[in-house]
Protein backbone atom coordinates (compact mmCIF):
# COMPACT_ATOMS: atom_id res chain seq x y z
CA MET A 1 26.92 33.72 4.83
CA ILE A 2 27.97 32.20 7.63
CA THR A 3 30.33 28.88 6.53
CA ILE A 4 31.28 25.57 7.96
CA ASN A 5 34.66 27.12 9.09
CA GLU A 6 32.63 30.08 11.46
CA ILE A 7 30.33 27.45 12.57
CA ALA A 8 33.45 25.19 13.49
CA LYS A 9 34.81 28.24 15.26
CA LEU A 10 31.84 28.94 17.34
CA ALA A 11 31.27 25.35 18.09
CA ASN A 12 34.63 25.02 19.47
CA VAL A 13 35.22 22.07 16.86
CA SER A 14 36.75 21.05 13.67
CA ARG A 15 35.67 21.71 10.06
CA THR A 16 35.65 17.66 10.13
CA THR A 17 33.75 17.53 13.31
CA VAL A 18 30.95 19.93 11.73
CA SER A 19 30.81 17.99 8.26
CA ARG A 20 30.12 14.84 9.95
CA VAL A 21 26.91 16.33 11.94
CA LEU A 22 25.81 17.86 8.92
CA ASN A 23 25.71 14.65 6.77
CA ASN A 24 25.44 12.20 9.91
CA SER A 25 28.50 9.98 9.15
CA GLY A 26 32.27 9.41 11.34
CA TYR A 27 32.07 9.63 15.05
CA VAL A 28 31.24 12.49 16.65
CA SER A 29 30.71 12.95 20.51
CA ASP A 30 27.51 13.68 22.11
CA GLU A 31 28.55 17.14 23.27
CA ALA A 32 30.74 18.10 20.32
CA ARG A 33 26.94 16.99 18.45
CA THR A 34 25.15 19.23 20.64
CA ARG A 35 27.64 22.19 20.42
CA VAL A 36 27.33 22.02 17.07
CA LEU A 37 23.90 21.83 16.34
CA LYS A 38 23.51 24.40 18.73
CA VAL A 39 25.63 26.81 16.55
CA ILE A 40 23.66 25.68 13.37
CA LYS A 41 20.27 26.37 14.94
CA GLU A 42 21.24 29.72 16.58
CA THR A 43 22.87 31.61 13.49
CA GLY A 44 20.31 29.49 10.79
CA TYR A 45 22.84 28.03 9.05
CA ILE A 46 21.99 26.04 6.15
CA PRO A 47 24.50 23.84 3.94
CA SER A 48 24.38 24.27 0.40
CA HIS A 49 23.61 21.27 -1.03
CA GLN A 50 23.68 22.61 -4.61
CA ALA A 51 27.76 23.55 -3.89
CA LYS A 52 28.38 20.30 -2.48
CA SER A 53 26.48 18.11 -5.52
CA LEU A 54 29.15 20.13 -7.68
CA ARG A 55 31.84 19.36 -5.37
CA THR A 56 31.03 15.71 -4.75
CA LYS A 57 29.32 14.86 -8.09
CA GLN A 58 26.45 13.58 -5.77
CA THR A 59 22.70 14.82 -5.22
CA LYS A 60 21.92 12.39 -2.29
CA VAL A 61 19.00 11.67 -4.31
CA ILE A 62 17.47 8.10 -4.99
CA GLY A 63 15.17 7.53 -7.65
CA VAL A 64 12.41 5.35 -6.87
CA ILE A 65 10.26 4.05 -10.08
CA LEU A 66 7.20 1.81 -8.71
CA PRO A 67 4.74 0.43 -10.81
CA LYS A 68 1.53 1.72 -8.17
CA ILE A 69 2.40 4.51 -5.25
CA SER A 70 -1.20 3.16 -3.48
CA THR A 71 -0.28 -0.91 -3.61
CA ASP A 72 0.85 -2.23 0.18
CA THR A 73 3.32 -3.88 -1.08
CA SER A 74 4.86 -0.55 -2.63
CA SER A 75 4.60 1.31 0.39
CA ARG A 76 6.31 -1.49 2.19
CA ILE A 77 9.17 -2.06 -0.05
CA VAL A 78 9.31 1.91 -0.04
CA SER A 79 9.55 2.17 3.83
CA GLY A 80 12.65 -0.85 3.87
CA MET A 81 14.60 1.69 1.63
CA ASP A 82 13.95 4.76 3.57
CA GLU A 83 15.45 2.73 6.74
CA VAL A 84 18.69 3.03 5.20
CA PHE A 85 18.63 5.68 3.03
CA SER A 86 17.63 7.58 5.67
CA GLU A 87 20.68 6.63 7.26
CA LYS A 88 23.40 7.84 5.17
CA GLY A 89 21.61 11.38 4.62
CA TYR A 90 19.61 10.23 0.93
CA GLN A 91 16.48 11.20 -0.28
CA ILE A 92 14.12 8.95 -2.05
CA LEU A 93 12.54 11.13 -5.20
CA LEU A 94 8.87 8.35 -6.07
CA ALA A 95 8.45 7.92 -9.86
CA ASN A 96 4.49 6.39 -10.46
CA THR A 97 4.06 4.58 -13.33
CA ASN A 98 0.29 3.76 -12.56
CA LEU A 99 1.09 0.34 -14.56
CA LYS A 100 1.90 1.94 -17.73
CA ASN A 101 4.43 0.05 -19.00
CA GLU A 102 5.81 2.94 -20.98
CA LYS A 103 6.43 5.33 -18.06
CA GLU A 104 9.24 2.89 -16.76
CA ILE A 105 11.75 4.09 -19.94
CA GLU A 106 9.77 7.43 -19.82
CA TYR A 107 11.13 7.56 -15.79
CA LEU A 108 14.43 6.36 -16.06
CA ASN A 109 15.42 8.82 -18.34
CA LEU A 110 13.95 11.10 -16.67
CA LEU A 111 15.52 10.24 -13.15
CA LYS A 112 19.19 10.42 -15.21
CA SER A 113 18.79 13.83 -16.68
CA ARG A 114 17.99 15.00 -12.74
CA ARG A 115 21.01 13.61 -12.06
CA VAL A 116 19.91 10.89 -9.37
CA ASP A 117 22.79 8.91 -7.66
CA GLY A 118 21.13 5.91 -8.49
CA ILE A 119 17.59 4.27 -9.30
CA ILE A 120 15.57 1.35 -7.82
CA LEU A 121 13.01 -0.01 -10.32
CA LEU A 122 10.26 -1.76 -8.52
CA ALA A 123 9.33 -4.12 -11.91
CA THR A 124 6.66 -5.65 -12.99
CA ASN A 125 6.28 -6.46 -16.92
CA ILE A 126 9.59 -6.88 -18.63
CA ASN A 127 10.25 -5.99 -22.19
CA GLU A 128 13.01 -5.57 -24.49
CA ASN A 129 13.00 -2.40 -24.87
CA LEU A 130 13.07 -1.95 -21.27
CA VAL A 131 15.48 -4.28 -20.77
CA ASN A 132 17.92 -2.56 -23.56
CA GLU A 133 17.60 0.91 -21.63
CA ILE A 134 18.72 -0.52 -18.16
CA LYS A 135 21.96 -2.10 -20.05
CA HIS A 136 23.06 1.25 -21.30
CA ILE A 137 21.97 3.56 -17.76
CA ASN A 138 25.22 4.20 -16.64
CA ILE A 139 24.21 4.83 -12.91
CA PRO A 140 23.73 2.63 -10.34
CA PHE A 141 20.45 0.57 -10.46
CA VAL A 142 18.98 -2.55 -8.67
CA ALA A 143 15.35 -3.91 -9.75
CA VAL A 144 13.29 -5.42 -7.28
CA GLY A 145 10.64 -8.40 -8.03
CA GLN A 146 11.72 -9.36 -11.35
CA GLU A 147 15.13 -11.15 -12.65
CA ILE A 148 16.96 -8.77 -15.40
CA LEU A 149 20.04 -9.86 -17.12
CA HIS A 150 23.03 -8.04 -16.06
CA CYS A 151 21.79 -6.01 -13.26
CA SER A 152 21.15 -6.69 -9.63
CA TYR A 153 17.80 -7.69 -8.57
CA ILE A 154 16.03 -8.31 -5.57
CA VAL A 155 13.60 -11.28 -6.40
CA HIS A 156 10.81 -13.39 -3.96
CA ASP A 157 10.98 -16.73 -4.35
CA ASP A 158 7.28 -17.10 -6.11
CA TYR A 159 7.61 -20.03 -7.41
CA ASN A 160 7.85 -21.98 -4.07
CA ALA A 161 5.40 -19.60 -2.13
CA ALA A 162 2.80 -20.40 -4.56
CA LYS A 163 3.87 -24.22 -4.15
CA THR A 164 3.79 -24.03 -0.17
CA ILE A 165 0.25 -22.49 -0.13
CA THR A 166 -1.59 -25.06 -2.12
CA ASN A 167 -0.05 -28.01 -0.72
CA ILE A 168 -1.45 -26.56 2.72
CA LEU A 169 -5.01 -26.21 0.88
CA ILE A 170 -4.42 -30.16 0.24
CA GLU A 171 -3.19 -30.75 3.15
CA LYS A 172 -6.73 -29.85 4.63
CA GLY A 173 -8.52 -31.87 2.35
CA ARG A 174 -8.90 -29.78 -0.83
CA LYS A 175 -9.26 -31.47 -3.83
CA ASN A 176 -11.11 -29.34 -6.35
CA ILE A 177 -8.87 -25.91 -6.12
CA ALA A 178 -9.05 -23.23 -8.55
CA PHE A 179 -6.73 -20.85 -9.22
CA ILE A 180 -6.59 -16.95 -9.89
CA GLY A 181 -3.97 -15.36 -11.70
CA VAL A 182 -2.71 -12.54 -13.58
CA TYR A 183 -1.61 -12.05 -16.93
CA GLU A 184 2.10 -13.38 -17.80
CA LEU A 185 3.36 -10.19 -18.99
CA ASP A 186 4.70 -10.17 -15.05
CA TYR A 187 6.55 -13.31 -15.11
CA SER A 188 7.01 -13.55 -11.39
CA VAL A 189 3.19 -13.10 -10.65
CA GLY A 190 2.08 -14.32 -13.42
CA VAL A 191 4.46 -17.59 -14.72
CA LEU A 192 5.62 -18.55 -11.65
CA ARG A 193 3.06 -18.65 -8.94
CA LYS A 194 0.65 -20.49 -11.61
CA GLN A 195 3.93 -23.06 -12.09
CA GLY A 196 3.95 -23.24 -8.62
CA TYR A 197 -0.06 -24.21 -8.09
CA TYR A 198 0.47 -26.35 -11.46
CA ASP A 199 3.28 -28.71 -9.59
CA ALA A 200 1.43 -28.86 -6.24
CA LEU A 201 -1.49 -30.40 -8.01
CA LYS A 202 0.55 -32.73 -9.96
CA GLU A 203 2.80 -33.72 -7.28
CA ASN A 204 -0.35 -35.14 -5.32
CA GLY A 205 -1.82 -36.94 -8.05
CA LEU A 206 -4.41 -34.01 -8.72
CA PRO A 207 -6.07 -32.79 -11.87
CA ILE A 208 -5.12 -29.86 -13.53
CA GLN A 209 -8.91 -28.19 -14.40
CA PRO A 210 -8.66 -25.36 -16.95
CA SER A 211 -11.87 -24.64 -16.16
CA TYR A 212 -10.97 -23.70 -12.51
CA ILE A 213 -8.54 -21.36 -13.59
CA SER A 214 -9.18 -17.68 -14.02
CA ILE A 215 -6.38 -15.38 -15.66
CA ARG A 216 -6.91 -11.30 -15.21
CA ASP A 217 -5.30 -8.38 -13.89
CA PHE A 218 -4.48 -7.31 -10.40
CA LYS A 219 -7.54 -5.35 -9.41
CA LEU A 220 -9.83 -6.38 -6.22
CA GLU A 221 -12.66 -6.50 -8.37
CA SER A 222 -11.16 -8.62 -10.62
CA GLY A 223 -10.82 -11.69 -7.98
CA TYR A 224 -14.92 -11.14 -7.65
CA LYS A 225 -14.96 -11.04 -11.62
CA ALA A 226 -12.97 -14.51 -11.62
CA MET A 227 -14.51 -16.42 -9.38
CA GLU A 228 -17.95 -15.46 -10.62
CA GLU A 229 -16.56 -16.81 -13.64
CA ILE A 230 -15.13 -20.19 -12.08
CA ALA A 231 -18.52 -20.84 -10.71
CA LYS A 232 -20.62 -20.32 -13.69
CA ASN A 233 -18.23 -22.43 -15.63
CA ASN A 234 -18.30 -25.89 -13.43
CA ASN A 235 -21.37 -27.85 -11.98
CA VAL A 236 -18.87 -29.28 -9.78
CA PHE A 237 -17.98 -26.34 -7.44
CA PRO A 238 -14.47 -25.79 -6.32
CA ASP A 239 -13.70 -26.48 -2.28
CA GLY A 240 -10.14 -24.33 -2.15
CA VAL A 241 -9.08 -21.58 -4.20
CA PHE A 242 -5.61 -20.23 -4.44
CA ALA A 243 -5.58 -16.66 -5.44
CA ALA A 244 -2.01 -15.23 -6.82
CA THR A 245 -2.51 -12.30 -4.52
CA HIS A 246 -4.33 -11.04 -1.10
CA ARG A 247 -6.54 -8.74 -2.71
CA LEU A 248 -7.65 -11.15 -5.65
CA ALA A 249 -8.12 -13.75 -3.10
CA ILE A 250 -9.83 -10.95 -1.18
CA GLY A 251 -12.14 -10.26 -4.42
CA ALA A 252 -13.10 -13.79 -4.54
CA MET A 253 -14.02 -14.45 -0.72
CA GLN A 254 -16.34 -10.85 -1.51
CA TYR A 255 -18.34 -12.86 -4.45
CA LEU A 256 -18.66 -16.40 -2.14
CA LYS A 257 -19.88 -14.28 0.69
CA GLU A 258 -22.09 -12.49 -1.32
CA LYS A 259 -23.79 -16.46 -2.55
CA ASN A 260 -23.79 -17.62 1.20
CA MET A 261 -21.07 -19.67 0.80
CA LYS A 262 -19.41 -20.66 4.24
CA ILE A 263 -15.68 -19.84 4.32
CA PRO A 264 -13.36 -21.95 5.37
CA ASP A 265 -16.48 -24.97 6.12
CA GLU A 266 -17.38 -25.55 2.24
CA ILE A 267 -14.53 -23.60 0.67
CA SER A 268 -10.90 -22.85 1.89
CA VAL A 269 -9.20 -19.48 0.39
CA ALA A 270 -5.63 -18.35 0.57
CA GLY A 271 -3.42 -16.09 -1.33
CA ILE A 272 -0.11 -14.26 -1.20
CA GLY A 273 1.32 -11.41 0.16
CA ASP A 274 0.28 -10.04 3.88
CA SER A 275 -1.40 -6.63 4.34
CA ASP A 276 -3.59 -4.96 6.69
CA LEU A 277 -6.86 -6.00 4.85
CA SER A 278 -5.69 -9.64 4.71
CA LYS A 279 -5.63 -9.19 8.83
CA ILE A 280 -9.26 -7.66 9.12
CA TYR A 281 -11.59 -9.28 6.46
CA SER A 282 -13.83 -11.51 7.87
CA PRO A 283 -12.62 -14.55 7.80
CA ALA A 284 -8.88 -13.41 7.52
CA LEU A 285 -6.82 -14.88 4.84
CA THR A 286 -4.30 -17.83 4.97
CA THR A 287 -1.39 -16.04 2.71
CA ILE A 288 2.15 -15.76 2.19
CA ASP A 289 4.25 -12.75 3.79
CA LEU A 290 7.12 -12.25 0.71
CA GLU A 291 9.52 -9.59 3.45
CA TYR A 292 8.52 -7.00 1.35
CA GLU A 293 10.45 -4.23 3.59
CA GLU A 294 13.57 -6.98 3.94
CA ALA A 295 13.76 -6.14 0.02
CA GLY A 296 13.68 -2.70 -0.13
CA ARG A 297 16.28 -2.72 2.65
CA LYS A 298 18.57 -5.34 0.73
CA ALA A 299 17.86 -2.68 -2.60
CA ALA A 300 19.44 0.15 -0.85
CA LYS A 301 22.16 -1.39 0.29
CA ILE A 302 23.00 -2.97 -2.68
CA LEU A 303 22.93 0.64 -4.32
CA LEU A 304 24.74 2.07 -1.74
CA TRP A 305 27.37 -0.28 -2.50
CA GLN A 306 26.99 0.33 -6.25
CA ILE A 307 27.32 4.56 -5.39
CA GLU A 308 30.15 3.78 -3.05
CA GLY A 309 32.19 3.12 -5.50
CA LYS A 310 32.89 -0.87 -3.87
CA LYS A 311 33.88 -3.60 -6.34
CA VAL A 312 31.02 -6.12 -5.76
CA HIS A 313 29.75 -8.05 -8.65
CA GLU A 314 25.77 -8.40 -9.79
CA GLN A 315 23.99 -8.69 -6.42
CA LYS A 316 21.16 -11.85 -8.00
CA ILE A 317 19.10 -12.01 -4.61
CA THR A 318 16.32 -14.77 -3.97
CA LEU A 319 14.18 -13.46 -0.63
CA GLY A 320 12.43 -16.35 1.55
CA TYR A 321 9.15 -16.08 2.62
CA ARG A 322 6.58 -16.77 5.83
CA LEU A 323 3.43 -18.85 5.77
CA ILE A 324 0.59 -17.12 7.93
CA GLU A 325 -2.40 -19.23 8.74
CA ARG A 326 -5.68 -17.49 9.35
CA ASP A 327 -9.57 -18.50 9.44
CA SER A 328 -9.87 -18.61 5.85
CA ILE A 329 -8.66 -22.35 5.30
C-alpha cells in the first residue's frame, strides 16, 4: 500500500504539504497542489480515515438531528452548516426524528456511540428528559431554534418577527385579525409568535378575540382546517390573518380561495418563514425571512470552535429577520 511519504517523494514535496492537500488546510501553492493531486490520481491513493481517526481521535463527522428532513426550514439550515463544514473537511450525518420527541434522545445516544465529533440539534419540543441528556452529553453540542440551558444555541427573534408581521396587517387597515398558531410544546413558534401577535393588538388598541384564534400542528392542511374553524365560529369574518408559519398561511389561503374570498381585497394574509412555495403561490405570501442559512453557518462555526478546543463561553445568539412584502396583503 502506498504511503503519504511515497506520495510526497513522487510529487517532490514535503509530507506536510501532502497532508495539507488531503485535509484542505494550511497554505499550499497551486503548483504543489497540482503535483500532489496528480500523483494521488495516478497511484489511486486513498487516505485511511480510520487510521487517522484513531490517531487524532476525530472522525470528521458531525451528527445533525432534525425534526423533519423534508421541510424547507431544515434544508436551508443544513445547507448553511454544510457551507462551513465542507470547507474544513467534515461530513454531515443526518438523523430525522419525523417529529417524534423520543427519537431526539435516541439519536443523541446513537450519534455519541458512532463517535461523531459533535452534534447539532434542530430543536422543537424541549422537555426535562432532553435537557438532562444534553447536560451530560460530554461532546461538542449546539442547539438551533430553541433556548436550552447549559449549552450554546442559535435562536430566531420569533416574538418581534410576529409582532412586526401583525403590525403590518394593522398598518394596512386590518382591525379583525385572526391568528393560526401551533401547539405550545414548541416554545419559539407556539408561544413567542402568539405573544407577539397579542402584544401588537394590545398596543394598537385592538381586542384579542378567542374565536379568531386556532391552534393546530405544522401541516399545510392544518392551516386550511384552522381557517375553516375560524370562519364557522364568527359572524363577523376576519379581514386579516396572521399564521405562525408559511405553510399554515398557505393552507388558510387555499380555504379562502375555495370560498371565493378575494385576497388581499377582502382579507389579507401573512406568515413567517419564507420558502419557494411562498413565492410561487398566488397571491404570493407576505412573510418574514428568518435567515435559516445563517443559523446553520453560525451553529457550525460555534461547534467547530468547541471541537478545536477553543475556550469559548456558551454562545447565546438571536438572529435578525427580514420582512418580505408580497401580494397577499
